[in-house]
């Protein structure tokens, strides 16, 4: 069972950038999809970005053209680079690993479905001020 640990959270002014990183303790999920999720107070956890293999990515409409997800080949690290941040991006951000490969997610949008992910980090707070 892999352990996921997020880092890089903090406070930033609107329009700024922030990079998050997730460190995984295992290579066992190297072929599985990885993702970043976020949770607003009182809201359900929602998908932000996912990456399967080395090339297949998916993004929530709210972060397209602003956020970029990437990872190393062995799924040891999964990064989320965030730009043009706005107050509505303020949330706790979680990284996660799914027990499935890209071909097992149909339609592709389900790579952003939190219920498909089984290994979760503890989360890191991102706060964007106006």
N, C-alpha and C. Protein backbone atom coordinates (compact mmCIF):
# COMPACT_ATOMS: atom_id res chain seq x y z
N UNK A 1 0.84 -1.18 0.00
CA UNK A 1 0.00 0.00 0.00
C UNK A 1 0.88 1.24 0.00
N UNK A 2 0.72 2.07 -1.01
CA UNK A 2 1.53 3.26 -1.14
C UNK A 2 1.09 4.36 -0.19
N UNK A 3 2.06 5.14 0.27
CA UNK A 3 1.78 6.31 1.07
C UNK A 3 1.98 7.55 0.21
N UNK A 4 1.02 8.44 0.24
CA UNK A 4 1.07 9.66 -0.55
C UNK A 4 1.21 10.85 0.38
N UNK A 5 2.17 11.73 0.09
CA UNK A 5 2.41 12.89 0.93
C UNK A 5 2.50 14.12 0.05
N UNK A 6 1.60 15.07 0.28
CA UNK A 6 1.59 16.31 -0.48
C UNK A 6 2.49 17.36 0.17
N UNK A 7 3.02 18.24 -0.66
CA UNK A 7 3.80 19.35 -0.18
C UNK A 7 3.67 20.51 -1.16
N UNK A 8 4.04 21.69 -0.72
CA UNK A 8 4.04 22.85 -1.59
C UNK A 8 2.88 23.79 -1.39
N UNK A 9 1.95 23.43 -0.54
CA UNK A 9 0.82 24.31 -0.29
C UNK A 9 1.24 25.55 0.46
N UNK A 10 0.39 26.54 0.43
CA UNK A 10 0.67 27.79 1.10
C UNK A 10 -0.27 28.87 0.64
N UNK A 11 0.14 30.10 0.88
CA UNK A 11 -0.67 31.27 0.52
C UNK A 11 -0.05 32.02 -0.63
N UNK A 12 -0.90 32.50 -1.51
CA UNK A 12 -0.44 33.25 -2.67
C UNK A 12 -1.50 34.28 -3.03
N UNK A 13 -1.08 35.37 -3.61
CA UNK A 13 -2.03 36.39 -4.05
C UNK A 13 -2.66 35.99 -5.38
N UNK A 14 -3.86 36.48 -5.61
CA UNK A 14 -4.54 36.21 -6.86
C UNK A 14 -3.67 36.59 -8.05
N UNK A 15 -3.67 35.72 -9.05
CA UNK A 15 -2.84 35.92 -10.21
C UNK A 15 -1.48 35.27 -10.12
N UNK A 16 -1.15 34.80 -8.95
CA UNK A 16 0.14 34.18 -8.74
C UNK A 16 0.16 32.70 -9.09
N UNK A 17 1.30 32.09 -8.87
CA UNK A 17 1.50 30.68 -9.19
C UNK A 17 1.96 29.91 -7.96
N UNK A 18 1.70 28.62 -7.99
CA UNK A 18 2.10 27.75 -6.90
C UNK A 18 2.25 26.34 -7.45
N UNK A 19 3.24 25.63 -6.95
CA UNK A 19 3.47 24.26 -7.39
C UNK A 19 3.30 23.30 -6.22
N UNK A 20 2.54 22.25 -6.45
CA UNK A 20 2.34 21.22 -5.46
C UNK A 20 3.06 19.96 -5.91
N UNK A 21 3.52 19.20 -4.94
CA UNK A 21 4.19 17.95 -5.25
C UNK A 21 3.66 16.86 -4.34
N UNK A 22 3.58 15.67 -4.87
CA UNK A 22 3.14 14.51 -4.11
C UNK A 22 4.21 13.45 -4.21
N UNK A 23 4.64 12.96 -3.06
CA UNK A 23 5.65 11.92 -3.00
C UNK A 23 4.99 10.60 -2.63
N UNK A 24 5.23 9.59 -3.45
CA UNK A 24 4.67 8.27 -3.22
C UNK A 24 5.76 7.32 -2.75
N UNK A 25 5.40 6.45 -1.83
CA UNK A 25 6.39 5.56 -1.23
C UNK A 25 6.60 4.27 -2.01
N UNK A 26 5.84 4.07 -3.07
CA UNK A 26 5.90 2.81 -3.80
C UNK A 26 5.89 3.03 -5.30
N UNK A 27 6.52 2.10 -6.02
CA UNK A 27 6.47 2.09 -7.48
C UNK A 27 5.35 1.18 -7.99
N UNK A 28 4.58 0.62 -7.09
CA UNK A 28 3.59 -0.39 -7.45
C UNK A 28 2.52 0.12 -8.41
N UNK A 29 2.29 1.43 -8.40
CA UNK A 29 1.23 1.99 -9.21
C UNK A 29 1.75 2.77 -10.41
N UNK A 30 2.93 2.39 -10.90
CA UNK A 30 3.57 3.12 -11.99
C UNK A 30 2.72 3.18 -13.25
N UNK A 31 1.88 2.19 -13.48
CA UNK A 31 1.03 2.17 -14.67
C UNK A 31 -0.39 2.65 -14.39
N UNK A 32 -0.66 3.01 -13.17
CA UNK A 32 -1.99 3.44 -12.79
C UNK A 32 -2.15 4.95 -12.93
N UNK A 33 -3.40 5.37 -12.99
CA UNK A 33 -3.69 6.79 -13.05
C UNK A 33 -3.43 7.45 -11.70
N UNK A 34 -2.93 8.67 -11.76
CA UNK A 34 -2.70 9.48 -10.59
C UNK A 34 -3.48 10.77 -10.76
N UNK A 35 -3.85 11.38 -9.65
CA UNK A 35 -4.65 12.58 -9.77
C UNK A 35 -4.49 13.54 -8.62
N UNK A 36 -4.90 14.76 -8.87
CA UNK A 36 -5.01 15.79 -7.86
C UNK A 36 -6.48 16.16 -7.71
N UNK A 37 -6.89 16.29 -6.48
CA UNK A 37 -8.26 16.64 -6.14
C UNK A 37 -8.25 17.79 -5.16
N UNK A 38 -9.38 18.43 -5.01
CA UNK A 38 -9.45 19.49 -4.02
C UNK A 38 -10.82 19.47 -3.35
N UNK A 39 -10.85 19.99 -2.15
CA UNK A 39 -12.07 19.98 -1.37
C UNK A 39 -12.27 21.35 -0.73
N UNK A 40 -13.41 21.94 -1.02
CA UNK A 40 -13.79 23.19 -0.40
C UNK A 40 -14.56 22.89 0.88
N UNK A 41 -14.56 23.81 1.84
CA UNK A 41 -15.28 23.56 3.09
C UNK A 41 -16.75 23.23 2.84
N UNK A 42 -17.20 22.14 3.41
CA UNK A 42 -18.59 21.74 3.27
C UNK A 42 -18.96 21.17 1.92
N UNK A 43 -17.97 20.97 1.06
CA UNK A 43 -18.24 20.46 -0.28
C UNK A 43 -17.62 19.09 -0.49
N UNK A 44 -18.08 18.43 -1.52
CA UNK A 44 -17.55 17.13 -1.88
C UNK A 44 -16.22 17.28 -2.59
N UNK A 45 -15.33 16.35 -2.35
CA UNK A 45 -14.04 16.37 -3.01
C UNK A 45 -14.23 16.25 -4.52
N UNK A 46 -13.52 17.08 -5.27
CA UNK A 46 -13.67 17.08 -6.71
C UNK A 46 -12.33 16.94 -7.42
N UNK A 47 -12.40 16.39 -8.62
CA UNK A 47 -11.20 16.18 -9.39
C UNK A 47 -10.67 17.47 -10.00
N UNK A 48 -9.37 17.62 -9.99
CA UNK A 48 -8.70 18.78 -10.56
C UNK A 48 -7.96 18.39 -11.83
N UNK A 49 -7.11 17.39 -11.71
CA UNK A 49 -6.32 16.94 -12.85
C UNK A 49 -5.90 15.50 -12.64
N UNK A 50 -5.71 14.79 -13.72
CA UNK A 50 -5.28 13.40 -13.65
C UNK A 50 -4.25 13.13 -14.73
N UNK A 51 -3.45 12.12 -14.50
CA UNK A 51 -2.47 11.70 -15.49
C UNK A 51 -2.36 10.18 -15.44
N UNK A 52 -2.42 9.58 -16.61
CA UNK A 52 -2.33 8.14 -16.75
C UNK A 52 -1.19 7.82 -17.69
N UNK A 53 -0.30 6.95 -17.27
CA UNK A 53 0.89 6.73 -18.05
C UNK A 53 1.72 8.00 -18.07
N UNK A 54 2.26 8.33 -19.21
CA UNK A 54 3.10 9.52 -19.33
C UNK A 54 2.47 10.64 -20.15
N UNK A 55 1.37 10.35 -20.83
CA UNK A 55 0.84 11.33 -21.77
C UNK A 55 -0.64 11.65 -21.62
N UNK A 56 -1.40 10.76 -21.04
CA UNK A 56 -2.84 10.94 -20.99
C UNK A 56 -3.21 11.77 -19.77
N UNK A 57 -3.66 12.98 -20.02
CA UNK A 57 -4.05 13.88 -18.95
C UNK A 57 -5.49 14.32 -19.10
N UNK A 58 -6.07 14.73 -18.00
CA UNK A 58 -7.42 15.23 -17.99
C UNK A 58 -7.51 16.33 -16.95
N UNK A 59 -8.29 17.36 -17.25
CA UNK A 59 -8.40 18.50 -16.36
C UNK A 59 -9.85 18.90 -16.18
N UNK A 60 -10.16 19.36 -14.99
CA UNK A 60 -11.46 19.96 -14.78
C UNK A 60 -11.55 21.24 -15.61
N UNK A 61 -12.74 21.53 -16.10
CA UNK A 61 -12.90 22.73 -16.92
C UNK A 61 -12.45 24.00 -16.19
N UNK A 62 -12.62 24.02 -14.90
CA UNK A 62 -12.30 25.21 -14.13
C UNK A 62 -10.80 25.50 -14.05
N UNK A 63 -9.96 24.52 -14.38
CA UNK A 63 -8.52 24.72 -14.26
C UNK A 63 -7.78 24.56 -15.58
N UNK A 64 -8.49 24.24 -16.64
CA UNK A 64 -7.84 24.09 -17.94
C UNK A 64 -7.12 25.38 -18.33
N UNK A 65 -5.95 25.21 -18.90
CA UNK A 65 -5.10 26.32 -19.35
C UNK A 65 -4.44 27.05 -18.18
N UNK A 66 -4.71 26.62 -16.96
CA UNK A 66 -4.08 27.24 -15.81
C UNK A 66 -3.23 26.27 -15.01
N UNK A 67 -3.67 25.02 -14.91
CA UNK A 67 -2.97 24.01 -14.12
C UNK A 67 -2.34 22.99 -15.05
N UNK A 68 -1.22 22.42 -14.62
CA UNK A 68 -0.55 21.38 -15.37
C UNK A 68 -0.13 20.25 -14.43
N UNK A 69 -0.50 19.04 -14.78
CA UNK A 69 -0.12 17.89 -13.98
C UNK A 69 1.00 17.14 -14.68
N UNK A 70 1.91 16.61 -13.90
CA UNK A 70 3.01 15.83 -14.44
C UNK A 70 3.49 14.83 -13.39
N UNK A 71 4.22 13.85 -13.83
CA UNK A 71 4.75 12.86 -12.91
C UNK A 71 6.00 12.23 -13.48
N UNK A 72 6.73 11.52 -12.63
CA UNK A 72 7.88 10.77 -13.09
C UNK A 72 7.42 9.39 -13.54
N UNK A 73 8.25 8.68 -14.31
CA UNK A 73 7.81 7.40 -14.88
C UNK A 73 7.37 6.36 -13.85
N UNK A 74 7.95 6.37 -12.67
CA UNK A 74 7.61 5.38 -11.66
C UNK A 74 6.53 5.79 -10.69
N UNK A 75 5.87 6.91 -10.96
CA UNK A 75 4.81 7.43 -10.08
C UNK A 75 5.32 7.74 -8.68
N UNK A 76 6.61 8.04 -8.56
CA UNK A 76 7.15 8.41 -7.25
C UNK A 76 6.78 9.84 -6.87
N UNK A 77 6.63 10.68 -7.88
CA UNK A 77 6.21 12.05 -7.64
C UNK A 77 5.15 12.44 -8.66
N UNK A 78 4.17 13.18 -8.20
CA UNK A 78 3.13 13.71 -9.05
C UNK A 78 3.00 15.19 -8.73
N UNK A 79 3.22 16.03 -9.71
CA UNK A 79 3.24 17.47 -9.48
C UNK A 79 2.02 18.14 -10.08
N UNK A 80 1.65 19.24 -9.48
CA UNK A 80 0.59 20.08 -10.01
C UNK A 80 1.08 21.51 -10.01
N UNK A 81 1.31 22.04 -11.19
CA UNK A 81 1.73 23.42 -11.34
C UNK A 81 0.51 24.28 -11.60
N UNK A 82 0.30 25.26 -10.76
CA UNK A 82 -0.88 26.09 -10.82
C UNK A 82 -0.49 27.53 -11.13
N UNK A 83 -1.15 28.10 -12.10
CA UNK A 83 -0.91 29.48 -12.49
C UNK A 83 -2.22 30.24 -12.54
N UNK A 84 -2.11 31.56 -12.58
CA UNK A 84 -3.29 32.43 -12.63
C UNK A 84 -4.29 32.06 -11.54
N UNK A 85 -3.80 31.87 -10.35
CA UNK A 85 -4.65 31.44 -9.25
C UNK A 85 -5.65 32.52 -8.86
N UNK A 86 -6.81 32.07 -8.46
CA UNK A 86 -7.89 32.94 -8.05
C UNK A 86 -8.40 32.50 -6.69
N UNK A 87 -9.08 33.38 -5.97
CA UNK A 87 -9.60 33.00 -4.65
C UNK A 87 -10.45 31.74 -4.66
N UNK A 88 -11.17 31.49 -5.74
CA UNK A 88 -11.99 30.29 -5.81
C UNK A 88 -11.18 29.00 -5.91
N UNK A 89 -9.88 29.11 -6.06
CA UNK A 89 -9.01 27.94 -6.03
C UNK A 89 -8.62 27.56 -4.61
N UNK A 90 -8.98 28.36 -3.65
CA UNK A 90 -8.65 28.08 -2.26
C UNK A 90 -9.34 26.80 -1.81
N UNK A 91 -8.55 25.84 -1.35
CA UNK A 91 -9.07 24.54 -0.96
C UNK A 91 -7.95 23.71 -0.37
N UNK A 92 -8.32 22.57 0.15
CA UNK A 92 -7.33 21.57 0.50
C UNK A 92 -7.13 20.68 -0.72
N UNK A 93 -5.89 20.53 -1.11
CA UNK A 93 -5.57 19.75 -2.29
C UNK A 93 -4.99 18.40 -1.90
N UNK A 94 -5.48 17.36 -2.55
CA UNK A 94 -5.07 15.99 -2.26
C UNK A 94 -4.52 15.33 -3.52
N UNK A 95 -3.50 14.53 -3.35
CA UNK A 95 -3.07 13.67 -4.44
C UNK A 95 -3.58 12.26 -4.17
N UNK A 96 -3.72 11.48 -5.22
CA UNK A 96 -4.28 10.15 -5.08
C UNK A 96 -3.83 9.25 -6.21
N UNK A 97 -3.88 7.96 -5.94
CA UNK A 97 -3.57 6.95 -6.93
C UNK A 97 -4.77 6.05 -7.12
N UNK A 98 -5.06 5.73 -8.35
CA UNK A 98 -6.17 4.84 -8.68
C UNK A 98 -5.66 3.42 -8.90
N UNK A 99 -6.54 2.48 -8.73
CA UNK A 99 -6.23 1.09 -9.04
C UNK A 99 -6.75 0.77 -10.43
N UNK A 100 -6.19 1.47 -11.39
CA UNK A 100 -6.61 1.26 -12.77
C UNK A 100 -5.76 2.06 -13.73
N UNK A 101 -5.70 1.59 -14.95
CA UNK A 101 -4.99 2.26 -16.01
C UNK A 101 -5.97 3.05 -16.87
N UNK A 102 -5.44 3.82 -17.78
CA UNK A 102 -6.27 4.69 -18.60
C UNK A 102 -7.39 3.93 -19.30
N UNK A 103 -7.09 2.74 -19.78
CA UNK A 103 -8.07 1.96 -20.53
C UNK A 103 -9.25 1.51 -19.68
N UNK A 104 -9.09 1.58 -18.36
CA UNK A 104 -10.15 1.14 -17.47
C UNK A 104 -11.09 2.27 -17.05
N UNK A 105 -10.80 3.47 -17.53
CA UNK A 105 -11.63 4.62 -17.21
C UNK A 105 -12.44 5.00 -18.45
N UNK A 106 -13.70 4.69 -18.43
CA UNK A 106 -14.60 5.03 -19.53
C UNK A 106 -15.88 5.63 -18.99
N UNK A 107 -16.27 6.80 -19.44
CA UNK A 107 -15.53 7.65 -20.37
C UNK A 107 -14.27 8.23 -19.72
N UNK A 108 -13.42 8.86 -20.49
CA UNK A 108 -12.17 9.40 -19.94
C UNK A 108 -12.36 10.38 -18.80
N UNK A 109 -13.50 11.06 -18.75
CA UNK A 109 -13.73 12.02 -17.69
C UNK A 109 -13.75 11.39 -16.30
N UNK A 110 -13.94 10.09 -16.23
CA UNK A 110 -13.99 9.42 -14.94
C UNK A 110 -12.63 9.33 -14.25
N UNK A 111 -11.57 9.75 -14.93
CA UNK A 111 -10.27 9.83 -14.26
C UNK A 111 -10.27 10.96 -13.23
N UNK A 112 -11.30 11.79 -13.23
CA UNK A 112 -11.46 12.84 -12.25
C UNK A 112 -12.52 12.48 -11.20
N UNK A 113 -12.93 11.24 -11.19
CA UNK A 113 -13.92 10.76 -10.24
C UNK A 113 -13.20 10.26 -8.99
N UNK A 114 -13.39 10.92 -7.89
CA UNK A 114 -12.69 10.56 -6.66
C UNK A 114 -12.96 9.13 -6.21
N UNK A 115 -14.14 8.62 -6.55
CA UNK A 115 -14.49 7.28 -6.12
C UNK A 115 -13.65 6.20 -6.79
N UNK A 116 -12.95 6.55 -7.85
CA UNK A 116 -12.11 5.59 -8.56
C UNK A 116 -10.70 5.52 -7.97
N UNK A 117 -10.41 6.34 -7.01
CA UNK A 117 -9.08 6.40 -6.42
C UNK A 117 -9.08 5.79 -5.03
N UNK A 118 -8.03 5.07 -4.72
CA UNK A 118 -8.00 4.29 -3.49
C UNK A 118 -6.89 4.68 -2.52
N UNK A 119 -5.82 5.29 -3.00
CA UNK A 119 -4.71 5.69 -2.15
C UNK A 119 -4.65 7.21 -2.10
N UNK A 120 -4.75 7.76 -0.92
CA UNK A 120 -4.88 9.20 -0.75
C UNK A 120 -3.84 9.78 0.19
N UNK A 121 -3.41 10.99 -0.13
CA UNK A 121 -2.58 11.74 0.79
C UNK A 121 -3.43 12.45 1.82
N UNK A 122 -2.77 13.16 2.72
CA UNK A 122 -3.46 13.85 3.80
C UNK A 122 -3.94 15.24 3.42
N UNK A 123 -3.46 15.75 2.31
CA UNK A 123 -3.89 17.04 1.83
C UNK A 123 -2.96 18.18 2.22
N UNK A 124 -2.98 19.22 1.43
CA UNK A 124 -2.21 20.42 1.71
C UNK A 124 -3.06 21.64 1.38
N UNK A 125 -3.02 22.63 2.25
CA UNK A 125 -3.87 23.80 2.09
C UNK A 125 -3.29 24.78 1.09
N UNK A 126 -4.14 25.23 0.19
CA UNK A 126 -3.80 26.29 -0.75
C UNK A 126 -4.77 27.44 -0.52
N UNK A 127 -4.23 28.61 -0.25
CA UNK A 127 -5.05 29.78 0.01
C UNK A 127 -4.66 30.89 -0.96
N UNK A 128 -5.63 31.39 -1.69
CA UNK A 128 -5.40 32.45 -2.66
C UNK A 128 -6.15 33.69 -2.19
N UNK A 129 -5.43 34.77 -2.00
CA UNK A 129 -6.01 36.02 -1.51
C UNK A 129 -6.21 37.01 -2.64
N UNK A 130 -7.27 37.79 -2.53
CA UNK A 130 -7.56 38.81 -3.52
C UNK A 130 -6.62 39.99 -3.37
